[in-house]
Protein backbone atom coordinates (compact mmCIF):
# COMPACT_ATOMS: atom_id res chain seq x y z
CA MET A 1 -78.75 -14.85 7.64
CA ARG A 2 -75.56 -16.64 8.71
CA LYS A 3 -74.54 -17.10 5.08
CA SER A 4 -75.46 -13.49 4.46
CA LEU A 5 -73.21 -12.37 7.32
CA THR A 6 -70.15 -14.19 6.02
CA GLU A 7 -70.82 -12.84 2.51
CA LYS A 8 -71.43 -9.23 3.53
CA VAL A 9 -68.87 -8.82 6.31
CA SER A 10 -65.18 -8.82 5.50
CA PHE A 11 -63.14 -11.28 7.54
CA ASP A 12 -59.75 -10.66 5.97
CA PHE A 13 -58.42 -8.34 8.68
CA ILE A 14 -58.28 -8.17 12.46
CA ARG A 15 -61.51 -6.71 13.81
CA TYR A 16 -60.61 -7.10 17.48
CA ALA A 17 -57.03 -7.35 18.69
CA ASN A 18 -58.31 -7.66 22.28
CA CYS A 19 -61.45 -9.05 23.88
CA TRP A 20 -63.74 -6.27 25.08
CA GLU A 21 -65.72 -8.42 27.51
CA ASP A 22 -64.66 -8.67 31.14
CA ALA A 23 -62.99 -12.02 31.92
CA ASP A 24 -63.32 -11.52 35.69
CA VAL A 25 -67.08 -11.25 35.32
CA LEU A 26 -67.15 -14.20 32.90
CA LEU A 27 -65.31 -16.52 35.29
CA LYS A 28 -67.29 -15.54 38.36
CA GLY A 29 -70.61 -15.97 36.58
CA LEU A 30 -69.82 -19.33 35.00
CA ASN A 31 -68.43 -20.62 38.31
CA LEU A 32 -66.67 -23.51 36.56
CA LYS A 33 -65.41 -26.73 38.09
CA SER A 34 -62.14 -28.24 36.90
CA GLY A 35 -62.24 -30.81 34.14
CA GLY A 36 -64.97 -29.16 32.07
CA LYS A 37 -65.36 -28.91 28.31
CA ILE A 38 -65.82 -25.26 27.39
CA LEU A 39 -66.83 -23.66 24.09
CA SER A 40 -65.68 -20.07 23.70
CA ILE A 41 -66.26 -17.57 20.90
CA GLY A 42 -62.76 -16.84 19.68
CA SER A 43 -62.65 -13.08 19.02
CA ALA A 44 -59.09 -12.11 20.04
CA GLY A 45 -58.59 -15.16 22.24
CA ASP A 46 -58.11 -13.36 25.56
CA ASN A 47 -61.15 -14.77 27.36
CA SER A 48 -60.57 -18.23 25.93
CA PHE A 49 -57.11 -18.09 27.51
CA SER A 50 -58.63 -16.88 30.79
CA LEU A 51 -60.92 -19.91 30.86
CA LEU A 52 -57.80 -22.08 31.10
CA THR A 53 -57.38 -20.88 34.70
CA THR A 54 -60.27 -23.22 35.61
CA TYR A 55 -58.13 -26.29 34.78
CA PRO A 56 -60.54 -27.56 32.13
CA GLU A 57 -60.39 -30.71 30.04
CA MET A 58 -60.43 -28.41 27.01
CA VAL A 59 -61.34 -24.94 25.80
CA LEU A 60 -62.42 -24.73 22.18
CA ALA A 61 -61.97 -21.24 20.69
CA ILE A 62 -64.27 -21.07 17.67
CA ASP A 63 -64.87 -18.22 15.23
CA VAL A 64 -66.08 -17.70 11.66
CA ASN A 65 -63.39 -15.07 11.14
CA LYS A 66 -60.25 -16.96 10.12
CA THR A 67 -58.06 -13.89 10.67
CA GLN A 68 -59.12 -13.76 14.32
CA LEU A 69 -58.06 -17.38 14.61
CA TYR A 70 -54.63 -16.52 13.20
CA LEU A 71 -54.36 -13.95 15.99
CA ILE A 72 -55.37 -16.48 18.65
CA GLU A 73 -52.86 -18.97 17.26
CA LEU A 74 -50.08 -16.40 17.39
CA LYS A 75 -50.91 -15.49 21.00
CA GLN A 76 -51.02 -19.18 21.91
CA VAL A 77 -47.57 -19.75 20.39
CA CYS A 78 -46.28 -16.70 22.27
CA ILE A 79 -47.59 -18.01 25.59
CA LYS A 80 -45.99 -21.40 24.95
CA ASN A 81 -42.57 -20.09 23.94
CA LEU A 82 -41.88 -16.64 25.43
CA GLU A 83 -40.98 -15.50 28.91
CA TYR A 84 -43.53 -13.25 30.60
CA GLU A 85 -41.89 -9.84 30.11
CA GLU A 86 -40.88 -10.69 26.55
CA LEU A 87 -44.48 -11.68 25.79
CA LEU A 88 -45.82 -8.35 27.06
CA GLY A 89 -43.35 -6.51 24.86
CA PHE A 90 -43.99 -8.63 21.78
CA LEU A 91 -47.78 -8.20 21.94
CA GLY A 92 -47.47 -4.44 22.45
CA PHE A 93 -48.31 -3.91 26.11
CA LYS A 94 -44.76 -2.67 26.64
CA HIS A 95 -42.09 -1.11 24.42
CA LEU A 96 -39.91 -3.54 22.48
CA ASN A 97 -37.59 -2.97 19.52
CA ASN A 98 -37.07 -6.49 18.17
CA ARG A 99 -40.58 -7.85 17.58
CA GLY A 100 -39.72 -8.83 14.02
CA GLN A 101 -36.75 -10.88 15.20
CA ILE A 102 -38.87 -12.64 17.81
CA PHE A 103 -41.49 -13.46 15.20
CA ASN A 104 -38.82 -15.09 13.05
CA GLN A 105 -38.12 -17.42 15.99
CA LEU A 106 -41.82 -18.15 16.55
CA LYS A 107 -43.12 -18.53 13.00
CA GLU A 108 -42.05 -22.16 12.64
CA PHE A 109 -44.51 -23.08 15.41
CA LEU A 110 -47.45 -21.65 13.43
CA THR A 111 -49.63 -23.47 10.92
CA SER A 112 -48.77 -22.69 7.31
CA GLU A 113 -51.84 -20.44 6.84
CA ALA A 114 -51.20 -18.42 10.00
CA LYS A 115 -47.51 -18.16 9.21
CA SER A 116 -48.27 -16.84 5.72
CA TYR A 117 -50.76 -14.29 7.06
CA TRP A 118 -48.36 -12.86 9.61
CA GLN A 119 -45.44 -12.80 7.20
CA ASN A 120 -47.61 -10.70 4.87
CA ASN A 121 -48.63 -8.44 7.77
CA ILE A 122 -45.36 -8.19 9.63
CA THR A 123 -45.79 -4.44 10.21
CA GLN A 124 -48.72 -5.21 12.53
CA ILE A 125 -46.43 -7.36 14.64
CA GLU A 126 -43.62 -4.80 14.59
CA THR A 127 -46.06 -2.11 15.75
CA GLY A 128 -47.54 -4.32 18.48
CA ILE A 129 -50.55 -6.40 17.52
CA VAL A 130 -52.77 -5.42 20.46
CA SER A 131 -53.20 -2.01 18.85
CA GLN A 132 -53.91 -3.26 15.32
CA GLY A 133 -57.59 -4.24 15.29
CA LYS A 134 -60.24 -2.12 13.61
CA PHE A 135 -61.99 -1.61 16.94
CA GLU A 136 -58.74 -0.59 18.66
CA LYS A 137 -58.02 1.96 15.92
CA TYR A 138 -61.53 3.34 16.37
CA PHE A 139 -60.75 4.01 20.03
CA GLN A 140 -57.37 5.44 19.08
CA VAL A 141 -59.07 8.02 16.86
CA PHE A 142 -61.35 8.96 19.73
CA SER A 143 -58.56 9.23 22.32
CA HIS A 144 -56.02 10.98 20.06
CA LYS A 145 -58.20 13.09 17.75
CA ILE A 146 -61.55 13.73 19.44
CA LEU A 147 -60.97 13.74 23.19
CA PRO A 148 -58.22 16.44 23.06
CA TRP A 149 -60.91 18.84 21.77
CA ILE A 150 -62.88 18.10 24.92
CA HIS A 151 -60.41 17.51 27.75
CA SER A 152 -56.67 17.73 28.36
CA SER A 153 -54.66 14.62 29.19
CA LYS A 154 -54.27 16.05 32.70
CA THR A 155 -58.06 16.18 33.11
CA THR A 156 -58.34 12.59 31.84
CA GLU A 157 -55.73 11.34 34.29
CA GLU A 158 -57.49 13.19 37.10
CA LEU A 159 -60.73 11.42 36.22
CA LEU A 160 -58.99 8.03 36.38
CA LYS A 161 -56.96 8.79 39.52
CA PRO A 162 -57.90 6.91 42.72
CA LYS A 163 -60.48 8.78 44.82
CA ASN A 164 -63.50 7.93 46.92
CA ALA A 165 -66.95 7.37 45.41
CA LYS A 166 -68.23 10.84 46.29
CA ALA A 167 -65.19 12.58 44.79
CA GLN A 168 -65.41 10.48 41.62
CA LYS A 169 -69.03 11.43 41.05
CA GLU A 170 -68.39 15.10 41.79
CA TYR A 171 -65.43 15.23 39.41
CA TYR A 172 -67.49 13.79 36.59
CA GLN A 173 -70.37 16.19 37.17
CA LYS A 174 -68.32 19.35 37.73
CA HIS A 175 -65.34 18.88 35.42
CA TRP A 176 -65.96 16.09 32.94
CA ASN A 177 -69.58 16.21 31.74
CA THR A 178 -69.26 19.35 29.63
CA TRP A 179 -71.34 20.29 26.59
CA ARG A 180 -68.41 19.34 24.32
CA TRP A 181 -68.19 15.90 25.94
CA ARG A 182 -71.90 15.32 25.48
CA LEU A 183 -71.96 16.53 21.88
CA LEU A 184 -68.79 14.99 20.46
CA PHE A 185 -69.17 11.71 22.34
CA LYS A 186 -72.68 11.12 20.97
CA LEU A 187 -71.56 12.00 17.44
CA PHE A 188 -68.50 9.77 17.50
CA PHE A 189 -70.35 6.81 18.97
CA SER A 190 -73.39 7.21 16.73
CA LYS A 191 -74.68 4.25 14.75
CA TYR A 192 -73.26 5.59 11.48
CA VAL A 193 -69.75 6.42 12.76
CA MET A 194 -69.46 3.23 14.80
CA GLY A 195 -70.66 1.12 11.89
CA LYS A 196 -68.20 2.73 9.48
CA TYR A 197 -65.10 2.93 11.66
CA GLY A 198 -65.64 0.57 14.62
CA ARG A 199 -67.97 -2.36 14.10
CA ASP A 200 -69.47 -3.42 10.78
CA PRO A 201 -72.92 -1.97 9.84
CA GLU A 202 -74.19 -5.56 9.53
CA PHE A 203 -73.54 -6.00 13.26
CA LEU A 204 -75.86 -3.10 14.07
CA LYS A 205 -78.86 -4.04 11.94
CA GLU A 206 -80.91 -5.32 14.88
CA VAL A 207 -80.24 -2.22 17.00
CA LYS A 208 -83.42 -0.17 17.47
CA VAL A 209 -82.22 2.40 20.04
CA PRO A 210 -80.28 5.67 19.53
CA VAL A 211 -76.75 4.28 19.67
CA GLY A 212 -74.87 7.43 20.68
CA GLN A 213 -77.29 8.26 23.49
CA PHE A 214 -77.31 4.69 24.78
CA ILE A 215 -73.52 4.45 24.99
CA PHE A 216 -73.30 7.96 26.45
CA ASN A 217 -75.66 6.95 29.27
CA LYS A 218 -73.72 3.75 29.99
CA ALA A 219 -70.40 5.59 29.95
CA GLY A 220 -71.78 8.28 32.25
CA GLU A 221 -72.87 5.71 34.83
CA HIS A 222 -69.46 4.06 34.81
CA LEU A 223 -67.37 7.24 34.81
CA GLN A 224 -69.13 8.37 37.98
CA SER A 225 -68.20 5.17 39.81
CA ILE A 226 -64.95 4.12 41.45
CA TYR A 227 -64.82 1.14 39.07
CA ALA A 228 -63.67 3.54 36.35
CA GLN A 229 -60.35 4.01 38.12
CA ASN A 230 -58.95 0.53 37.55
CA ASN A 231 -60.57 -0.46 34.28
CA PHE A 232 -58.17 -1.42 31.49
CA ILE A 233 -60.97 -1.23 28.90
CA LEU A 234 -61.94 2.31 29.87
CA ARG A 235 -58.31 3.44 30.01
CA TYR A 236 -57.77 2.25 26.45
CA CYS A 237 -60.92 4.02 25.28
CA LEU A 238 -59.80 7.33 26.81
CA THR A 239 -56.03 7.18 26.26
CA GLY A 240 -55.39 4.67 23.46
CA SER A 241 -53.20 2.71 25.87
CA PHE A 242 -53.68 0.17 28.66
CA GLY A 243 -51.13 1.98 30.80
CA ASN A 244 -50.05 -0.29 33.64
CA LEU A 245 -53.32 -2.23 33.57
CA LEU A 246 -53.48 -5.68 32.00
CA PRO A 247 -56.34 -7.95 30.93
CA HIS A 248 -57.01 -10.99 33.10
CA TYR A 249 -55.06 -13.49 30.99
CA LEU A 250 -51.86 -11.44 31.23
CA GLN A 251 -51.91 -10.71 34.94
CA ARG A 252 -48.94 -12.64 36.27
CA GLU A 253 -50.83 -14.82 38.75
CA ASN A 254 -53.26 -15.91 36.01
CA TYR A 255 -50.67 -16.14 33.26
CA GLU A 256 -48.66 -18.89 34.96
CA ILE A 257 -51.75 -21.12 35.21
CA ILE A 258 -52.67 -20.39 31.59
CA LYS A 259 -49.17 -21.22 30.39
CA ALA A 260 -49.35 -24.57 32.20
CA ASN A 261 -52.70 -25.35 30.54
CA ILE A 262 -52.13 -23.77 27.13
CA HIS A 263 -52.05 -27.18 25.43
CA LYS A 264 -55.72 -27.59 26.35
CA LEU A 265 -56.77 -24.74 24.03
CA TYR A 266 -58.08 -25.88 20.64
CA ILE A 267 -58.85 -23.57 17.72
CA LYS A 268 -61.66 -24.16 15.22
CA GLU A 269 -63.10 -22.21 12.29
CA GLY A 270 -66.88 -22.13 11.85
CA TYR A 271 -70.16 -21.82 13.69
CA ALA A 272 -70.99 -23.69 16.89
CA GLU A 273 -72.62 -26.64 15.13
CA VAL A 274 -69.23 -27.51 13.64
CA ALA A 275 -67.91 -27.88 17.17
CA PHE A 276 -70.82 -30.05 18.28
CA ALA A 277 -70.33 -32.45 15.38
CA GLU A 278 -66.68 -32.95 16.27
CA PHE A 279 -66.54 -32.59 20.05
CA GLY A 280 -70.03 -33.47 21.29
CA LYS A 281 -71.65 -31.73 24.25
CA PHE A 282 -70.04 -29.00 26.35
CA ASP A 283 -70.27 -28.08 30.03
CA ALA A 284 -70.12 -24.32 29.55
CA MET A 285 -70.17 -21.73 26.79
CA ASN A 286 -68.75 -18.23 26.51
CA LEU A 287 -70.92 -16.79 23.73
CA SER A 288 -69.59 -13.21 23.69
CA ASP A 289 -72.31 -10.99 22.16
CA ILE A 290 -73.18 -13.16 19.14
CA PHE A 291 -76.94 -12.76 19.63
CA GLU A 292 -76.60 -9.02 19.04
CA TYR A 293 -76.45 -9.65 15.28
CA MET A 294 -79.31 -12.13 15.00
CA PRO A 295 -82.96 -11.62 14.00
CA ILE A 296 -85.25 -13.22 16.57
CA GLU A 297 -85.95 -16.36 14.51
CA LEU A 298 -82.26 -17.11 14.01
CA PHE A 299 -81.66 -16.42 17.70
CA LYS A 300 -84.34 -18.99 18.58
CA LYS A 301 -82.87 -21.66 16.26
CA THR A 302 -79.35 -21.02 17.53
CA ALA A 303 -80.51 -21.19 21.16
CA GLU A 304 -82.17 -24.56 20.52
CA GLN A 305 -78.90 -25.95 19.16
CA LEU A 306 -76.93 -24.62 22.12
CA ILE A 307 -79.35 -26.16 24.61
CA GLN A 308 -79.26 -29.55 22.87
CA ASN A 309 -75.47 -29.58 22.96
CA THR A 310 -74.89 -28.53 26.55
CA ASN A 311 -74.77 -31.02 29.41
CA GLN A 312 -77.31 -30.87 32.24
CA GLY A 313 -76.23 -28.24 34.75
CA GLY A 314 -74.08 -26.55 32.09
CA THR A 315 -73.90 -22.77 31.94
CA PHE A 316 -74.07 -20.03 29.32
CA ALA A 317 -72.51 -16.57 29.48
CA TYR A 318 -73.20 -13.84 26.95
CA TRP A 319 -73.55 -10.09 26.69
CA ASN A 320 -76.41 -7.91 25.49
CA LEU A 321 -75.20 -4.59 24.10
CA MET A 322 -78.20 -2.82 22.58
CA VAL A 323 -80.31 -5.76 21.40
CA PRO A 324 -82.23 -7.56 24.20
CA ARG A 325 -81.84 -11.33 23.93
CA ARG A 326 -82.27 -14.00 26.62
CA ILE A 327 -82.44 -17.75 26.01
CA SER A 328 -84.36 -18.46 29.22
CA GLU A 329 -87.23 -16.20 28.11
CA LEU A 330 -87.85 -18.47 25.12
CA PHE A 331 -87.00 -21.81 26.74
CA SER A 332 -87.92 -21.42 30.40
CA ASN A 333 -88.46 -25.16 30.89
CA GLU A 334 -84.95 -26.02 29.74
CA VAL A 335 -82.93 -23.01 30.89
CA THR A 336 -82.84 -21.07 34.18
CA TYR A 337 -81.89 -17.39 34.27
CA LEU A 338 -79.31 -16.81 37.00
CA GLN A 339 -80.72 -13.42 37.85
CA GLN A 340 -78.77 -12.55 40.96
CA SER A 341 -75.33 -13.22 39.55
CA SER A 342 -76.29 -11.61 36.22
CA GLU A 343 -77.39 -8.37 37.90
CA GLU A 344 -74.57 -8.22 40.44
CA LEU A 345 -71.86 -8.85 37.85
CA SER A 346 -73.41 -6.47 35.31
CA ALA A 347 -73.02 -3.72 37.91
CA VAL A 348 -69.23 -4.19 38.10
CA ASP A 349 -68.58 -5.19 34.47
CA LYS A 350 -65.49 -3.49 33.01
CA GLY A 351 -67.25 -3.63 29.64
CA PHE A 352 -69.20 -0.57 30.74
CA PHE A 353 -70.89 -0.05 27.36
CA TYR A 354 -72.80 -3.35 27.55
CA LYS A 355 -76.38 -3.28 28.76
CA GLN A 356 -76.06 -6.57 30.63
CA VAL A 357 -74.07 -9.74 31.01
CA ILE A 358 -76.34 -12.79 31.25
CA PHE A 359 -75.70 -16.12 32.95
CA GLU A 360 -78.02 -19.09 32.52
CA GLN A 361 -78.02 -22.77 33.43
CA ILE A 362 -79.39 -25.88 31.74
CA VAL A 363 -82.03 -27.48 33.98
């Protein structure tokens, strides 16, 4: 199945320009000590950078998608060489006119493959790379083309404006949850539309629930809570912009620590077993939502490898979207489900569309 995935899914473009899992939740759940060896699914790199705030021995960002690794490498070079405000502008969180000129100063710090990729895709940099992933463009279509048929920008800002819990819930129920919202939301986030324009259909093969209804229910829960008001992920979904909100790795107090530890981030192409062969056992793993794509037998085999290559007391973090997977259910003698932290942190997860974030520990 792994070979099938790399053959059937195109990896020659950016799928995710940002990480869509909550780094605050990730760090709290893993509860890492300094000096650890951490394996992290690469994706867009954001959460791998955030893990550097734990002062680890190393963070290994690994991914089978080489283009995602080019993105991580570019962000790493930016963090090493740019001042804070310039970095925000270059990546696309703020307006900046001279991104191409800045890239010309940075490109010599890139590997030859990454340099070649970005030179051939310079318009993505000039536009601001945090808006250039397939998933980001999917949300841009929703916020710019679909949502205006449902609600005005004024109504959207009112939904996201600070208010108490009672007022938030009332606003959603009285002003937001209209028949147009229910209809168009479920259509746009259906399995077919999401597979074609957001994620790849191969990533949804194991999903057995009505996708549009599931995500509608999760969104409804979150939009009625005060957590919706300060959620950079939700703001991007509804407006196509992060506004004044920033992901964890770019918040100034975290960024300075990350910059000081950026040399501890290593980048590797391949599956996890490639990392184990080269680096040995790890103390913690950020596994994103990789189990979402796996048939149960492959999930079991992968889980066995992860257990064998994690030190005693080591921790796992991963997300279930619509496919229920839990390592501790299959290997209860080797792995403990950290139920309390999993449930508490799932309740405040900025990745509101996920069913659950799961934390487990090697016995």
